[in-house]
Amino acid sequence: MADALPPSDQSAACSPLEQEVLDEYALLLDNLNKLSNVLSSLAERPTAEVLDGLRMLERKTSLVCTLLKASVYSIVLQQQIYGGEEGKEGQG
């Protein structure tokens, strides 16, 4: 298809790799614009409101961390119990 273009247009046409890079740059630009909009809306909000939101996020994160630790502890404890029972059965 590139051969159908006049020589002046062939030099202006992009290779598929170049077009893919350009598309990625366009996507990056769009993401940066979205980030800029979010940051500007955060900058316009009162500091107290942002801090309250962060406190809530911290509490939720802390709860998730505690539940994860409890789950891991429960799994380790169960493995030790089952390991102890297997050890006793092997000795008896």
PDB file of N, CA and C in Angstrom:
ATOM      1  N   MET A   1       0.827  -1.183   0.000  1.00  0.00           N
ATOM      2  CA  MET A   1       0.000   0.000   0.000  1.00  0.00           C
ATOM      3  C   MET A   1       0.870   1.244   0.000  1.00  0.00           C
ATOM      4  N   ALA A   2       2.039   1.190   0.660  1.00  0.00           N
ATOM      5  CA  ALA A   2       2.944   2.332   0.698  1.00  0.00           C
ATOM      6  C   ALA A   2       3.499   2.613  -0.693  1.00  0.00           C
ATOM      7  N   ASP A   3       3.566   1.593  -1.545  1.00  0.00           N
ATOM      8  CA  ASP A   3       4.075   1.790  -2.894  1.00  0.00           C
ATOM      9  C   ASP A   3       3.112   2.616  -3.731  1.00  0.00           C
ATOM     10  N   ALA A   4       1.836   2.661  -3.399  1.00  0.00           N
ATOM     11  CA  ALA A   4       0.849   3.416  -4.163  1.00  0.00           C
ATOM     12  C   ALA A   4       0.958   4.909  -3.901  1.00  0.00           C
ATOM     13  N   LEU A   5       1.654   5.303  -2.876  1.00  0.00           N
ATOM     14  CA  LEU A   5       1.795   6.721  -2.552  1.00  0.00           C
ATOM     15  C   LEU A   5       2.869   7.350  -3.428  1.00  0.00           C
ATOM     16  N   PRO A   6       2.726   8.624  -3.748  1.00  0.00           N
ATOM     17  CA  PRO A   6       3.793   9.320  -4.480  1.00  0.00           C
ATOM     18  C   PRO A   6       5.045   9.374  -3.615  1.00  0.00           C
ATOM     19  N   PRO A   7       6.223   9.525  -4.206  1.00  0.00           N
ATOM     20  CA  PRO A   7       7.468   9.522  -3.449  1.00  0.00           C
ATOM     21  C   PRO A   7       7.497  10.564  -2.334  1.00  0.00           C
ATOM     22  N   SER A   8       6.894  11.722  -2.530  1.00  0.00           N
ATOM     23  CA  SER A   8       6.905  12.744  -1.488  1.00  0.00           C
ATOM     24  C   SER A   8       6.090  12.294  -0.279  1.00  0.00           C
ATOM     25  N   ASP A   9       4.995  11.563  -0.507  1.00  0.00           N
ATOM     26  CA  ASP A   9       4.152  11.077   0.577  1.00  0.00           C
ATOM     27  C   ASP A   9       4.746   9.835   1.239  1.00  0.00           C
ATOM     28  N   GLN A  10       5.542   9.060   0.508  1.00  0.00           N
ATOM     29  CA  GLN A  10       6.142   7.866   1.084  1.00  0.00           C
ATOM     30  C   GLN A  10       7.088   8.229   2.230  1.00  0.00           C
ATOM     31  N   SER A  11       7.834   9.316   2.080  1.00  0.00           N
ATOM     32  CA  SER A  11       8.755   9.719   3.135  1.00  0.00           C
ATOM     33  C   SER A  11       7.988  10.216   4.369  1.00  0.00           C
ATOM     34  N   ALA A  12       6.779  10.742   4.159  1.00  0.00           N
ATOM     35  CA  ALA A  12       5.984  11.250   5.274  1.00  0.00           C
ATOM     36  C   ALA A  12       5.225  10.133   5.983  1.00  0.00           C
ATOM     37  N   ALA A  13       5.004   9.009   5.299  1.00  0.00           N
ATOM     38  CA  ALA A  13       4.269   7.895   5.913  1.00  0.00           C
ATOM     39  C   ALA A  13       5.117   7.251   6.994  1.00  0.00           C
ATOM     40  N   CYS A  14       4.444   6.731   8.022  1.00  0.00           N
ATOM     41  CA  CYS A  14       5.144   6.101   9.139  1.00  0.00           C
ATOM     42  C   CYS A  14       5.146   4.593   8.962  1.00  0.00           C
ATOM     43  N   SER A  15       6.200   3.987   9.463  1.00  0.00           N
ATOM     44  CA  SER A  15       6.229   2.529   9.505  1.00  0.00           C
ATOM     45  C   SER A  15       5.261   2.077  10.601  1.00  0.00           C
ATOM     46  N   PRO A  16       4.881   0.817  10.588  1.00  0.00           N
ATOM     47  CA  PRO A  16       3.969   0.341  11.638  1.00  0.00           C
ATOM     48  C   PRO A  16       4.538   0.552  13.043  1.00  0.00           C
ATOM     49  N   LEU A  17       5.827   0.349  13.212  1.00  0.00           N
ATOM     50  CA  LEU A  17       6.449   0.555  14.513  1.00  0.00           C
ATOM     51  C   LEU A  17       6.385   2.023  14.926  1.00  0.00           C
ATOM     52  N   GLU A  18       6.666   2.912  13.988  1.00  0.00           N
ATOM     53  CA  GLU A  18       6.596   4.346  14.280  1.00  0.00           C
ATOM     54  C   GLU A  18       5.176   4.753  14.640  1.00  0.00           C
ATOM     55  N   GLN A  19       4.197   4.198  13.914  1.00  0.00           N
ATOM     56  CA  GLN A  19       2.796   4.522  14.208  1.00  0.00           C
ATOM     57  C   GLN A  19       2.404   4.006  15.591  1.00  0.00           C
ATOM     58  N   GLU A  20       2.896   2.823  15.944  1.00  0.00           N
ATOM     59  CA  GLU A  20       2.612   2.271  17.271  1.00  0.00           C
ATOM     60  C   GLU A  20       3.207   3.154  18.363  1.00  0.00           C
ATOM     61  N   VAL A  21       4.427   3.647  18.144  1.00  0.00           N
ATOM     62  CA  VAL A  21       5.062   4.544  19.112  1.00  0.00           C
ATOM     63  C   VAL A  21       4.256   5.838  19.232  1.00  0.00           C
ATOM     64  N   LEU A  22       3.820   6.372  18.111  1.00  0.00           N
ATOM     65  CA  LEU A  22       3.012   7.593  18.135  1.00  0.00           C
ATOM     66  C   LEU A  22       1.694   7.369  18.872  1.00  0.00           C
ATOM     67  N   ASP A  23       1.081   6.203  18.675  1.00  0.00           N
ATOM     68  CA  ASP A  23      -0.162   5.891  19.377  1.00  0.00           C
ATOM     69  C   ASP A  23       0.066   5.801  20.880  1.00  0.00           C
ATOM     70  N   GLU A  24       1.189   5.205  21.275  1.00  0.00           N
ATOM     71  CA  GLU A  24       1.510   5.109  22.703  1.00  0.00           C
ATOM     72  C   GLU A  24       1.746   6.503  23.293  1.00  0.00           C
ATOM     73  N   TYR A  25       2.409   7.374  22.536  1.00  0.00           N
ATOM     74  CA  TYR A  25       2.605   8.747  23.012  1.00  0.00           C
ATOM     75  C   TYR A  25       1.270   9.469  23.159  1.00  0.00           C
ATOM     76  N   ALA A  26       0.337   9.223  22.242  1.00  0.00           N
ATOM     77  CA  ALA A  26      -0.985   9.840  22.345  1.00  0.00           C
ATOM     78  C   ALA A  26      -1.713   9.335  23.590  1.00  0.00           C
ATOM     79  N   LEU A  27      -1.589   8.031  23.868  1.00  0.00           N
ATOM     80  CA  LEU A  27      -2.202   7.455  25.061  1.00  0.00           C
ATOM     81  C   LEU A  27      -1.564   8.035  26.321  1.00  0.00           C
ATOM     82  N   LEU A  28      -0.245   8.170  26.310  1.00  0.00           N
ATOM     83  CA  LEU A  28       0.466   8.769  27.443  1.00  0.00           C
ATOM     84  C   LEU A  28       0.002  10.206  27.669  1.00  0.00           C
ATOM     85  N   LEU A  29      -0.145  10.959  26.597  1.00  0.00           N
ATOM     86  CA  LEU A  29      -0.623  12.343  26.698  1.00  0.00           C
ATOM     87  C   LEU A  29      -2.013  12.393  27.319  1.00  0.00           C
ATOM     88  N   ASP A  30      -2.888  11.481  26.884  1.00  0.00           N
ATOM     89  CA  ASP A  30      -4.239  11.432  27.436  1.00  0.00           C
ATOM     90  C   ASP A  30      -4.199  11.113  28.924  1.00  0.00           C
ATOM     91  N   ASN A  31      -3.371  10.153  29.323  1.00  0.00           N
ATOM     92  CA  ASN A  31      -3.258   9.788  30.744  1.00  0.00           C
ATOM     93  C   ASN A  31      -2.691  10.938  31.567  1.00  0.00           C
ATOM     94  N   LEU A  32      -1.709  11.637  31.030  1.00  0.00           N
ATOM     95  CA  LEU A  32      -1.136  12.778  31.740  1.00  0.00           C
ATOM     96  C   LEU A  32      -2.149  13.907  31.887  1.00  0.00           C
ATOM     97  N   ASN A  33      -2.968  14.104  30.878  1.00  0.00           N
ATOM     98  CA  ASN A  33      -4.017  15.124  30.975  1.00  0.00           C
ATOM     99  C   ASN A  33      -5.039  14.756  32.048  1.00  0.00           C
ATOM    100  N   LYS A  34      -5.408  13.468  32.110  1.00  0.00           N
ATOM    101  CA  LYS A  34      -6.334  13.018  33.149  1.00  0.00           C
ATOM    102  C   LYS A  34      -5.724  13.221  34.531  1.00  0.00           C
ATOM    103  N   LEU A  35      -4.447  12.868  34.677  1.00  0.00           N
ATOM    104  CA  LEU A  35      -3.755  13.049  35.947  1.00  0.00           C
ATOM    105  C   LEU A  35      -3.710  14.524  36.329  1.00  0.00           C
ATOM    106  N   SER A  36      -3.449  15.365  35.368  1.00  0.00           N
ATOM    107  CA  SER A  36      -3.411  16.805  35.621  1.00  0.00           C
ATOM    108  C   SER A  36      -4.770  17.314  36.094  1.00  0.00           C
ATOM    109  N   ASN A  37      -5.830  16.827  35.485  1.00  0.00           N
ATOM    110  CA  ASN A  37      -7.182  17.241  35.899  1.00  0.00           C
ATOM    111  C   ASN A  37      -7.488  16.783  37.323  1.00  0.00           C
ATOM    112  N   VAL A  38      -7.115  15.550  37.648  1.00  0.00           N
ATOM    113  CA  VAL A  38      -7.359  15.038  39.001  1.00  0.00           C
ATOM    114  C   VAL A  38      -6.558  15.840  40.015  1.00  0.00           C
ATOM    115  N   LEU A  39      -5.298  16.114  39.703  1.00  0.00           N
ATOM    116  CA  LEU A  39      -4.462  16.878  40.631  1.00  0.00           C
ATOM    117  C   LEU A  39      -4.984  18.299  40.820  1.00  0.00           C
ATOM    118  N   SER A  40      -5.457  18.896  39.751  1.00  0.00           N
ATOM    119  CA  SER A  40      -5.990  20.255  39.892  1.00  0.00           C
ATOM    120  C   SER A  40      -7.274  20.253  40.713  1.00  0.00           C
ATOM    121  N   SER A  41      -8.103  19.215  40.557  1.00  0.00           N
ATOM    122  CA  SER A  41      -9.326  19.148  41.376  1.00  0.00           C
ATOM    123  C   SER A  41      -8.960  18.904  42.842  1.00  0.00           C
ATOM    124  N   LEU A  42      -7.917  18.117  43.100  1.00  0.00           N
ATOM    125  CA  LEU A  42      -7.464  17.913  44.476  1.00  0.00           C
ATOM    126  C   LEU A  42      -6.912  19.211  45.064  1.00  0.00           C
ATOM    127  N   ALA A  43      -6.216  19.969  44.252  1.00  0.00           N
ATOM    128  CA  ALA A  43      -5.643  21.224  44.729  1.00  0.00           C
ATOM    129  C   ALA A  43      -6.727  22.246  45.062  1.00  0.00           C
ATOM    130  N   GLU A  44      -7.868  22.154  44.400  1.00  0.00           N
ATOM    131  CA  GLU A  44      -8.967  23.084  44.642  1.00  0.00           C
ATOM    132  C   GLU A  44      -9.775  22.707  45.882  1.00  0.00           C
ATOM    133  N   ARG A  45      -9.732  21.440  46.271  1.00  0.00           N
ATOM    134  CA  ARG A  45     -10.513  20.988  47.430  1.00  0.00           C
ATOM    135  C   ARG A  45      -9.850  21.452  48.718  1.00  0.00           C
ATOM    136  N   PRO A  46     -10.650  21.637  49.742  1.00  0.00           N
ATOM    137  CA  PRO A  46     -10.083  22.033  51.034  1.00  0.00           C
ATOM    138  C   PRO A  46      -9.172  20.938  51.584  1.00  0.00           C
ATOM    139  N   THR A  47      -8.129  21.353  52.271  1.00  0.00           N
ATOM    140  CA  THR A  47      -7.151  20.414  52.813  1.00  0.00           C
ATOM    141  C   THR A  47      -7.799  19.461  53.810  1.00  0.00           C
ATOM    142  N   ALA A  48      -8.725  19.951  54.602  1.00  0.00           N
ATOM    143  CA  ALA A  48      -9.381  19.112  55.607  1.00  0.00           C
ATOM    144  C   ALA A  48     -10.120  17.955  54.942  1.00  0.00           C
ATOM    145  N   GLU A  49     -10.772  18.234  53.828  1.00  0.00           N
ATOM    146  CA  GLU A  49     -11.514  17.193  53.114  1.00  0.00           C
ATOM    147  C   GLU A  49     -10.565  16.123  52.578  1.00  0.00           C
ATOM    148  N   VAL A  50      -9.442  16.538  52.043  1.00  0.00           N
ATOM    149  CA  VAL A  50      -8.448  15.590  51.532  1.00  0.00           C
ATOM    150  C   VAL A  50      -7.885  14.752  52.674  1.00  0.00           C
ATOM    151  N   LEU A  51      -7.583  15.395  53.802  1.00  0.00           N
ATOM    152  CA  LEU A  51      -7.052  14.671  54.953  1.00  0.00           C
ATOM    153  C   LEU A  51      -8.060  13.672  55.508  1.00  0.00           C
ATOM    154  N   ASP A  52      -9.332  14.052  55.546  1.00  0.00           N
ATOM    155  CA  ASP A  52     -10.357  13.114  56.004  1.00  0.00           C
ATOM    156  C   ASP A  52     -10.427  11.893  55.097  1.00  0.00           C
ATOM    157  N   GLY A  53     -10.333  12.123  53.802  1.00  0.00           N
ATOM    158  CA  GLY A  53     -10.329  11.008  52.858  1.00  0.00           C
ATOM    159  C   GLY A  53      -9.118  10.109  53.040  1.00  0.00           C
ATOM    160  N   LEU A  54      -7.971  10.728  53.304  1.00  0.00           N
ATOM    161  CA  LEU A  54      -6.759   9.935  53.524  1.00  0.00           C
ATOM    162  C   LEU A  54      -6.832   9.147  54.831  1.00  0.00           C
ATOM    163  N   ARG A  55      -7.439   9.736  55.851  1.00  0.00           N
ATOM    164  CA  ARG A  55      -7.602   9.021  57.125  1.00  0.00           C
ATOM    165  C   ARG A  55      -8.488   7.791  56.933  1.00  0.00           C
ATOM    166  N   MET A  56      -9.575   7.963  56.179  1.00  0.00           N
ATOM    167  CA  MET A  56     -10.463   6.841  55.915  1.00  0.00           C
ATOM    168  C   MET A  56      -9.728   5.747  55.143  1.00  0.00           C
ATOM    169  N   LEU A  57      -8.946   6.152  54.163  1.00  0.00           N
ATOM    170  CA  LEU A  57      -8.162   5.196  53.400  1.00  0.00           C
ATOM    171  C   LEU A  57      -7.155   4.480  54.286  1.00  0.00           C
ATOM    172  N   GLU A  58      -6.540   5.201  55.208  1.00  0.00           N
ATOM    173  CA  GLU A  58      -5.575   4.603  56.129  1.00  0.00           C
ATOM    174  C   GLU A  58      -6.252   3.567  57.027  1.00  0.00           C
ATOM    175  N   ARG A  59      -7.449   3.880  57.517  1.00  0.00           N
ATOM    176  CA  ARG A  59      -8.176   2.922  58.367  1.00  0.00           C
ATOM    177  C   ARG A  59      -8.516   1.659  57.586  1.00  0.00           C
ATOM    178  N   LYS A  60      -8.987   1.834  56.358  1.00  0.00           N
ATOM    179  CA  LYS A  60      -9.344   0.671  55.543  1.00  0.00           C
ATOM    180  C   LYS A  60      -8.109  -0.174  55.240  1.00  0.00           C
ATOM    181  N   THR A  61      -7.012   0.488  54.924  1.00  0.00           N
ATOM    182  CA  THR A  61      -5.770  -0.226  54.635  1.00  0.00           C
ATOM    183  C   THR A  61      -5.287  -0.970  55.865  1.00  0.00           C
ATOM    184  N   SER A  62      -5.391  -0.347  57.024  1.00  0.00           N
ATOM    185  CA  SER A  62      -4.985  -0.980  58.268  1.00  0.00           C
ATOM    186  C   SER A  62      -5.844  -2.206  58.557  1.00  0.00           C
ATOM    187  N   LEU A  63      -7.134  -2.105  58.314  1.00  0.00           N
ATOM    188  CA  LEU A  63      -8.039  -3.233  58.526  1.00  0.00           C
ATOM    189  C   LEU A  63      -7.682  -4.393  57.598  1.00  0.00           C
ATOM    190  N   VAL A  64      -7.438  -4.096  56.346  1.00  0.00           N
ATOM    191  CA  VAL A  64      -7.065  -5.138  55.389  1.00  0.00           C
ATOM    192  C   VAL A  64      -5.762  -5.798  55.805  1.00  0.00           C
ATOM    193  N   CYS A  65      -4.794  -5.012  56.247  1.00  0.00           N
ATOM    194  CA  CYS A  65      -3.510  -5.552  56.697  1.00  0.00           C
ATOM    195  C   CYS A  65      -3.706  -6.467  57.901  1.00  0.00           C
ATOM    196  N   THR A  66      -4.529  -6.059  58.861  1.00  0.00           N
ATOM    197  CA  THR A  66      -4.796  -6.865  60.045  1.00  0.00           C
ATOM    198  C   THR A  66      -5.469  -8.179  59.663  1.00  0.00           C
ATOM    199  N   LEU A  67      -6.450  -8.117  58.779  1.00  0.00           N
ATOM    200  CA  LEU A  67      -7.130  -9.336  58.340  1.00  0.00           C
ATOM    201  C   LEU A  67      -6.178 -10.268  57.594  1.00  0.00           C
ATOM    202  N   LEU A  68      -5.300  -9.708  56.809  1.00  0.00           N
ATOM    203  CA  LEU A  68      -4.320 -10.524  56.088  1.00  0.00           C
ATOM    204  C   LEU A  68      -3.373 -11.212  57.066  1.00  0.00           C
ATOM    205  N   LYS A  69      -2.900 -10.471  58.061  1.00  0.00           N
ATOM    206  CA  LYS A  69      -2.011 -11.071  59.063  1.00  0.00           C
ATOM    207  C   LYS A  69      -2.720 -12.187  59.818  1.00  0.00           C
ATOM    208  N   ALA A  70      -3.984 -11.968  60.182  1.00  0.00           N
ATOM    209  CA  ALA A  70      -4.749 -12.989  60.896  1.00  0.00           C
ATOM    210  C   ALA A  70      -4.929 -14.236  60.036  1.00  0.00           C
ATOM    211  N   SER A  71      -5.176 -14.049  58.752  1.00  0.00           N
ATOM    212  CA  SER A  71      -5.334 -15.190  57.844  1.00  0.00           C
ATOM    213  C   SER A  71      -4.039 -15.974  57.729  1.00  0.00           C
ATOM    214  N   VAL A  72      -2.931 -15.281  57.581  1.00  0.00           N
ATOM    215  CA  VAL A  72      -1.632 -15.951  57.473  1.00  0.00           C
ATOM    216  C   VAL A  72      -1.328 -16.689  58.767  1.00  0.00           C
ATOM    217  N   TYR A  73      -1.597 -16.065  59.911  1.00  0.00           N
ATOM    218  CA  TYR A  73      -1.350 -16.711  61.204  1.00  0.00           C
ATOM    219  C   TYR A  73      -2.198 -17.975  61.332  1.00  0.00           C
ATOM    220  N   SER A  74      -3.463 -17.900  60.912  1.00  0.00           N
ATOM    221  CA  SER A  74      -4.363 -19.051  60.971  1.00  0.00           C
ATOM    222  C   SER A  74      -3.847 -20.194  60.104  1.00  0.00           C
ATOM    223  N   ILE A  75      -3.375 -19.882  58.916  1.00  0.00           N
ATOM    224  CA  ILE A  75      -2.852 -20.911  58.013  1.00  0.00           C
ATOM    225  C   ILE A  75      -1.609 -21.554  58.610  1.00  0.00           C
ATOM    226  N   VAL A  76      -0.705 -20.753  59.143  1.00  0.00           N
ATOM    227  CA  VAL A  76       0.519 -21.284  59.746  1.00  0.00           C
ATOM    228  C   VAL A  76       0.174 -22.163  60.939  1.00  0.00           C
ATOM    229  N   LEU A  77      -0.770 -21.710  61.762  1.00  0.00           N
ATOM    230  CA  LEU A  77      -1.178 -22.474  62.931  1.00  0.00           C
ATOM    231  C   LEU A  77      -1.791 -23.813  62.520  1.00  0.00           C
ATOM    232  N   GLN A  78      -2.648 -23.805  61.504  1.00  0.00           N
ATOM    233  CA  GLN A  78      -3.250 -25.044  61.014  1.00  0.00           C
ATOM    234  C   GLN A  78      -2.181 -25.995  60.491  1.00  0.00           C
ATOM    235  N   GLN A  79      -1.203 -25.474  59.781  1.00  0.00           N
ATOM    236  CA  GLN A  79      -0.125 -26.328  59.270  1.00  0.00           C
ATOM    237  C   GLN A  79       0.670 -26.933  60.413  1.00  0.00           C
ATOM    238  N   GLN A  80       0.902 -26.163  61.481  1.00  0.00           N
ATOM    239  CA  GLN A  80       1.637 -26.696  62.628  1.00  0.00           C
ATOM    240  C   GLN A  80       0.823 -27.773  63.333  1.00  0.00           C
ATOM    241  N   ILE A  81      -0.497 -27.567  63.457  1.00  0.00           N
ATOM    242  CA  ILE A  81      -1.352 -28.554  64.106  1.00  0.00           C
ATOM    243  C   ILE A  81      -1.358 -29.846  63.300  1.00  0.00           C
ATOM    244  N   TYR A  82      -1.569 -29.737  61.983  1.00  0.00           N
ATOM    245  CA  TYR A  82      -1.593 -30.927  61.140  1.00  0.00           C
ATOM    246  C   TYR A  82      -0.224 -31.589  61.091  1.00  0.00           C
ATOM    247  N   GLY A  83       0.815 -30.805  61.106  1.00  0.00           N
ATOM    248  CA  GLY A  83       2.171 -31.354  61.127  1.00  0.00           C
ATOM    249  C   GLY A  83       2.449 -32.095  62.412  1.00  0.00           C
ATOM    250  N   GLY A  84       1.953 -31.575  63.550  1.00  0.00           N
ATOM    251  CA  GLY A  84       2.123 -32.224  64.844  1.00  0.00           C
ATOM    252  C   GLY A  84       1.352 -33.530  64.924  1.00  0.00           C
ATOM    253  N   GLU A  85       0.142 -33.558  64.353  1.00  0.00           N
ATOM    254  CA  GLU A  85      -0.654 -34.791  64.353  1.00  0.00           C
ATOM    255  C   GLU A  85       0.008 -35.861  63.490  1.00  0.00           C
ATOM    256  N   GLU A  86       0.543 -35.472  62.365  1.00  0.00           N
ATOM    257  CA  GLU A  86       1.208 -36.434  61.486  1.00  0.00           C
ATOM    258  C   GLU A  86       2.456 -36.983  62.151  1.00  0.00           C
ATOM    259  N   GLY A  87       3.154 -36.134  62.903  1.00  0.00           N
ATOM    260  CA  GLY A  87       4.359 -36.571  63.604  1.00  0.00           C
ATOM    261  C   GLY A  87       4.024 -37.589  64.699  1.00  0.00           C
ATOM    262  N   LYS A  88       2.903 -37.357  65.406  1.00  0.00           N
ATOM    263  CA  LYS A  88       2.488 -38.280  66.455  1.00  0.00           C
ATOM    264  C   LYS A  88       2.043 -39.607  65.868  1.00  0.00           C
ATOM    265  N   GLU A  89       1.343 -39.576  64.743  1.00  0.00           N
ATOM    266  CA  GLU A  89       0.877 -40.792  64.090  1.00  0.00           C
ATOM    267  C   GLU A  89       2.056 -41.615  63.591  1.00  0.00           C
ATOM    268  N   GLY A  90       3.071 -40.951  63.104  1.00  0.00           N
ATOM    269  CA  GLY A  90       4.256 -41.644  62.601  1.00  0.00           C
ATOM    270  C   GLY A  90       5.032 -42.316  63.717  1.00  0.00           C
ATOM    271  N   GLN A  91       4.995 -41.751  64.913  1.00  0.00           N
ATOM    272  CA  GLN A  91       5.734 -42.324  66.046  1.00  0.00           C
ATOM    273  C   GLN A  91       4.968 -43.497  66.667  1.00  0.00           C
ATOM    274  N   GLY A  92       3.660 -43.481  66.628  1.00  0.00           N
ATOM    275  CA  GLY A  92       2.830 -44.470  67.316  1.00  0.00           C
ATOM    276  C   GLY A  92       2.596 -45.702  66.558  1.00  0.00           C
TER     277      GLY A  92
END
